[in-house]
Protein backbone atom coordinates (compact mmCIF):
# COMPACT_ATOMS: atom_id res chain seq x y z
CA MET A 1 -5.90 3.84 -3.01
CA GLY A 2 -8.95 4.81 -1.03
CA THR A 3 -9.71 6.43 2.32
CA LYS A 4 -12.60 6.31 4.73
CA GLY A 5 -13.63 9.78 5.79
CA SER A 6 -11.86 13.01 4.94
CA PHE A 7 -8.12 12.38 5.16
CA LEU A 8 -5.72 14.61 3.33
CA PRO A 9 -2.24 13.22 2.66
CA GLU A 10 0.77 14.72 4.44
CA GLU A 11 1.87 17.96 2.81
CA GLY A 12 4.58 17.36 0.21
CA SER A 13 3.97 13.59 0.10
CA LEU A 14 2.17 13.39 -3.25
CA VAL A 15 3.98 11.61 -6.07
CA PRO A 16 3.24 11.16 -9.79
CA SER A 17 0.51 8.63 -10.56
CA VAL A 18 2.84 6.54 -12.75
CA ILE A 19 5.32 4.37 -10.84
CA TYR A 20 8.34 2.75 -12.46
CA ALA A 21 9.34 -0.38 -10.53
CA GLU A 22 10.94 -3.76 -11.13
CA LYS A 23 8.54 -6.39 -12.42
CA THR A 24 7.65 -9.01 -9.81
CA GLU A 25 5.30 -11.97 -9.77
CA HIS A 26 1.85 -11.57 -11.33
CA SER A 27 -0.34 -8.93 -9.59
CA LYS A 28 2.09 -8.39 -6.70
CA LYS A 29 2.32 -4.74 -5.75
CA PRO A 30 5.81 -3.19 -5.85
CA GLU A 31 7.38 -2.29 -2.49
CA GLU A 32 7.40 1.32 -3.68
CA VAL A 33 3.59 1.42 -3.46
CA TYR A 34 3.62 0.58 0.25
CA ARG A 35 6.30 3.22 0.94
CA ILE A 36 4.31 5.86 -0.92
CA ILE A 37 1.13 5.12 1.03
CA GLU A 38 2.93 5.00 4.38
CA ASN A 39 4.62 8.32 3.55
CA MET A 40 1.33 9.96 2.55
CA TYR A 41 -0.46 8.66 5.64
CA PRO A 42 2.11 8.00 8.40
CA PRO A 43 1.19 6.12 11.60
CA PRO A 44 -1.06 6.07 13.53
CA PHE A 45 -3.09 5.56 10.33
CA ARG A 46 -4.19 1.99 9.73
CA TYR A 47 -3.60 0.24 6.42
CA ILE A 48 -5.49 -2.48 4.58
CA GLU A 49 -4.57 -4.36 1.42
CA ILE A 50 -7.27 -6.13 -0.55
CA PHE A 51 -6.33 -8.84 -3.09
CA ALA A 52 -3.00 -9.32 -1.29
CA ARG A 53 -0.45 -11.81 -2.58
CA GLY A 54 2.50 -13.31 -0.76
CA ARG A 55 3.30 -12.45 2.84
CA LYS A 56 1.36 -10.03 5.03
CA ARG A 57 3.21 -6.74 5.59
CA ASP A 58 3.85 -5.55 9.16
CA GLY A 59 1.36 -2.88 10.19
CA TRP A 60 -1.13 -3.80 7.46
CA GLU A 61 -4.31 -5.85 7.46
CA ALA A 62 -4.41 -8.01 4.36
CA PHE A 63 -7.00 -10.11 2.56
CA GLY A 64 -6.54 -12.26 -0.52
CA ASP A 65 -6.80 -15.78 -1.93
CA GLU A 66 -3.02 -16.08 -2.33
CA LEU A 67 -1.99 -14.64 1.04
CA ILE A 68 0.66 -16.57 2.97
CA GLU A 69 0.16 -16.32 6.73
């Protein structure tokens, strides 16, 4: 996860750096990752996913070779 500028996450939104989630297709991020990021930086923040796989998520810009529009 990266930010542009000096953005601190919402107070109390930090989680451990190890995430336990169900295994999905190769390189696909678990849904939990999106929820964590959206909780740490709630709207009106803008989100971008690089190396995206599958379908684009609402509210996110996404780029990747295996992205389904």
